[in-house]
Amino acid sequence: MEIRTLGRRLLAREQACKPGMVSSDSVDRVYVDLVHNHLPRLADQDFITIDRETNFVAVDRDIPPYVSSIVSTITAYSNDQRHRILGTLAHPIRVSTVAILREEGPTLSLESLAELLAERVDAAVIDDEEAKIELHHWHLPALETIDLLTYDASSAEIVQLGEPYGTA
């Protein structure tokens, strides 16, 4: 799909109108955001391929059920909440963290999560100890702010809650 068309359809869905009703200025703003922010992140996770010559985006693989679940759930939230959820989940470590929690069970220790994360992510990017530090200080608190999990630092236990912000 052409990136401007994608932007127009996203705006139409967000504004609950037909794509032809969306202003060109709005499409331009979303286009820039897609090209410079959102689409490269999806491409980094191998979900899509971006053809810069034609400005087309193609889906490379199936979107995991946990991502589909979150995306379909967030449509009931306000724009601010949606932006906060997607902004929080945009980091590749956080995407992998949510995937691991969904696959391994509702409760994991920080140690186990860090090991699984280091196995999943390129070793040149993060090792077990670095993963534990980043999770503890950065990623788990961020995911906790959108109610995807709780993290008890004293017991180093992570509990997956479900959908962002509990229920819509």
Protein backbone atom coordinates (compact mmCIF):
# COMPACT_ATOMS: atom_id res chain seq x y z
CA MET A 1 0.00 0.00 0.00
CA GLU A 2 1.23 3.49 -0.77
CA ILE A 3 2.27 5.35 2.39
CA ARG A 4 0.02 8.40 1.81
CA THR A 5 -2.95 6.08 1.26
CA LEU A 6 -2.09 4.31 4.50
CA GLY A 7 -1.92 7.65 6.31
CA ARG A 8 -5.25 8.77 4.86
CA ARG A 9 -6.92 5.49 5.89
CA LEU A 10 -5.48 5.68 9.40
CA LEU A 11 -6.75 9.24 9.81
CA ALA A 12 -10.17 8.32 8.44
CA ARG A 13 -10.44 5.46 10.91
CA GLU A 14 -9.32 7.70 13.77
CA GLN A 15 -11.76 10.45 12.77
CA ALA A 16 -14.59 8.00 11.96
CA CYS A 17 -15.06 9.41 8.46
CA LYS A 18 -14.47 8.43 4.84
CA PRO A 19 -10.88 8.74 3.55
CA GLY A 20 -11.91 11.47 1.12
CA MET A 21 -13.01 13.64 4.05
CA VAL A 22 -9.52 13.80 5.59
CA SER A 23 -7.62 17.06 4.98
CA SER A 24 -4.45 17.02 2.90
CA ASP A 25 -2.58 18.87 5.67
CA SER A 26 -3.46 16.10 8.12
CA VAL A 27 -2.34 13.45 5.65
CA ASP A 28 0.96 15.30 5.16
CA ARG A 29 1.62 15.38 8.92
CA VAL A 30 0.81 11.68 9.33
CA TYR A 31 2.89 10.81 6.25
CA VAL A 32 5.97 12.46 7.77
CA ASP A 33 5.37 10.66 11.08
CA LEU A 34 4.94 7.32 9.32
CA VAL A 35 8.03 7.72 7.12
CA HIS A 36 10.35 8.99 9.83
CA ASN A 37 9.05 7.23 12.93
CA HIS A 38 6.52 4.42 12.83
CA LEU A 39 7.27 2.54 9.63
CA PRO A 40 11.04 2.29 10.18
CA ARG A 41 10.35 0.76 13.60
CA LEU A 42 8.05 -1.84 12.07
CA ALA A 43 10.65 -2.51 9.37
CA ASP A 44 13.31 -2.98 12.07
CA GLN A 45 11.12 -5.71 13.58
CA ASP A 46 10.74 -7.35 10.12
CA PHE A 47 6.98 -6.79 10.04
CA ILE A 48 7.11 -4.71 6.87
CA THR A 49 9.30 -3.73 3.93
CA ILE A 50 9.41 -0.14 2.76
CA ASP A 51 10.15 0.52 -0.90
CA ARG A 52 11.54 4.07 -0.88
CA GLU A 53 11.39 4.39 -4.68
CA THR A 54 7.67 3.67 -4.95
CA ASN A 55 6.69 4.74 -1.40
CA PHE A 56 4.94 1.42 -0.87
CA VAL A 57 4.80 -0.66 2.28
CA ALA A 58 4.39 -4.43 2.23
CA VAL A 59 3.68 -6.74 5.17
CA ASP A 60 6.50 -9.27 5.52
CA ARG A 61 5.13 -11.62 8.13
CA ASP A 62 2.12 -12.31 10.24
CA ILE A 63 1.67 -9.94 13.11
CA PRO A 64 1.85 -11.91 16.37
CA PRO A 65 -1.49 -12.36 18.15
CA TYR A 66 -0.39 -10.26 21.14
CA VAL A 67 0.29 -7.28 18.84
CA SER A 68 -3.04 -7.73 17.03
CA SER A 69 -4.79 -7.98 20.37
CA ILE A 70 -3.26 -4.75 21.65
CA VAL A 71 -3.85 -2.88 18.39
CA SER A 72 -7.49 -3.95 18.18
CA THR A 73 -8.03 -3.10 21.86
CA ILE A 74 -6.56 0.40 21.72
CA THR A 75 -9.09 1.68 19.19
CA ALA A 76 -11.47 2.17 22.15
CA TYR A 77 -9.05 4.54 23.90
CA SER A 78 -8.66 8.28 23.52
CA ASN A 79 -6.07 9.62 21.06
CA ASP A 80 -3.75 10.55 23.92
CA GLN A 81 -3.94 7.06 25.40
CA ARG A 82 -3.38 5.44 22.00
CA HIS A 83 -0.31 7.58 21.35
CA ARG A 84 1.05 6.79 24.79
CA ILE A 85 0.48 3.03 24.39
CA LEU A 86 2.04 2.90 20.92
CA GLY A 87 4.88 5.19 21.96
CA THR A 88 5.64 2.95 24.92
CA LEU A 89 5.47 -0.24 22.85
CA ALA A 90 7.52 1.18 19.96
CA HIS A 91 10.85 0.14 21.49
CA PRO A 92 12.04 -3.27 20.16
CA ILE A 93 13.06 -4.45 23.65
CA ARG A 94 9.55 -3.73 24.92
CA VAL A 95 7.94 -5.56 22.01
CA SER A 96 10.13 -8.59 22.76
CA THR A 97 9.39 -8.30 26.49
CA VAL A 98 5.63 -8.38 25.90
CA ALA A 99 6.06 -11.31 23.50
CA ILE A 100 8.08 -13.28 26.06
CA LEU A 101 5.53 -12.65 28.80
CA ARG A 102 2.70 -13.75 26.50
CA GLU A 103 4.59 -16.91 25.50
CA GLU A 104 6.13 -17.94 28.82
CA GLY A 105 3.30 -17.29 31.19
CA PRO A 106 1.78 -14.60 33.28
CA THR A 107 4.59 -14.45 35.88
CA LEU A 108 8.36 -14.39 35.38
CA SER A 109 11.36 -13.43 37.42
CA LEU A 110 13.53 -10.56 36.25
CA GLU A 111 16.41 -13.03 35.89
CA SER A 112 14.39 -15.38 33.63
CA LEU A 113 13.01 -12.54 31.54
CA ALA A 114 16.50 -11.06 31.07
CA GLU A 115 17.90 -14.43 29.95
CA LEU A 116 15.05 -15.02 27.50
CA LEU A 117 15.36 -11.47 26.19
CA ALA A 118 19.12 -11.82 25.65
CA GLU A 119 18.50 -15.06 23.71
CA ARG A 120 15.90 -13.38 21.51
CA VAL A 121 17.77 -10.14 20.82
CA ASP A 122 21.09 -10.01 18.99
CA ALA A 123 23.90 -10.69 21.49
CA ALA A 124 25.82 -7.71 20.12
CA VAL A 125 22.93 -5.51 21.24
CA ILE A 126 22.27 -6.82 24.77
CA ASP A 127 23.52 -9.54 27.14
CA ASP A 128 21.81 -11.05 30.23
CA GLU A 129 23.21 -8.56 32.73
CA GLU A 130 22.60 -5.54 30.52
CA ALA A 131 19.07 -6.80 29.82
CA LYS A 132 18.38 -7.10 33.54
CA ILE A 133 19.56 -3.53 34.17
CA GLU A 134 17.61 -2.06 31.23
CA LEU A 135 14.47 -3.97 32.15
CA HIS A 136 14.66 -2.94 35.80
CA HIS A 137 15.37 0.75 35.26
CA TRP A 138 13.67 1.53 31.99
CA HIS A 139 11.49 -0.97 30.13
CA LEU A 140 9.45 -2.59 32.92
CA PRO A 141 8.54 0.76 34.55
CA ALA A 142 7.46 2.07 31.12
CA LEU A 143 5.26 -0.98 30.45
CA GLU A 144 3.87 -0.68 33.97
CA THR A 145 2.71 2.90 33.27
CA ILE A 146 0.32 1.58 30.62
CA ASP A 147 -0.86 -1.27 32.86
CA LEU A 148 0.49 -4.11 30.73
CA LEU A 149 2.29 -5.58 33.71
CA THR A 150 3.26 -5.05 37.30
CA TYR A 151 6.85 -5.19 38.44
CA ASP A 152 7.79 -5.76 42.06
CA ALA A 153 11.40 -4.59 42.25
CA SER A 154 11.88 -6.02 45.75
CA SER A 155 11.03 -9.57 44.66
CA ALA A 156 12.16 -9.00 41.05
CA GLU A 157 8.90 -10.53 39.80
CA ILE A 158 6.98 -9.44 36.72
CA VAL A 159 3.28 -10.21 36.37
CA GLN A 160 1.54 -9.72 33.03
CA LEU A 161 -1.86 -8.08 33.42
CA GLY A 162 -3.34 -8.23 29.94
CA GLU A 163 -4.38 -5.27 27.86
CA PRO A 164 -3.01 -1.73 28.15
CA TYR A 165 -4.81 0.38 30.74
CA GLY A 166 -6.71 -2.67 31.98
CA THR A 167 -10.02 -2.43 30.18
CA ALA A 168 -11.05 0.29 27.77
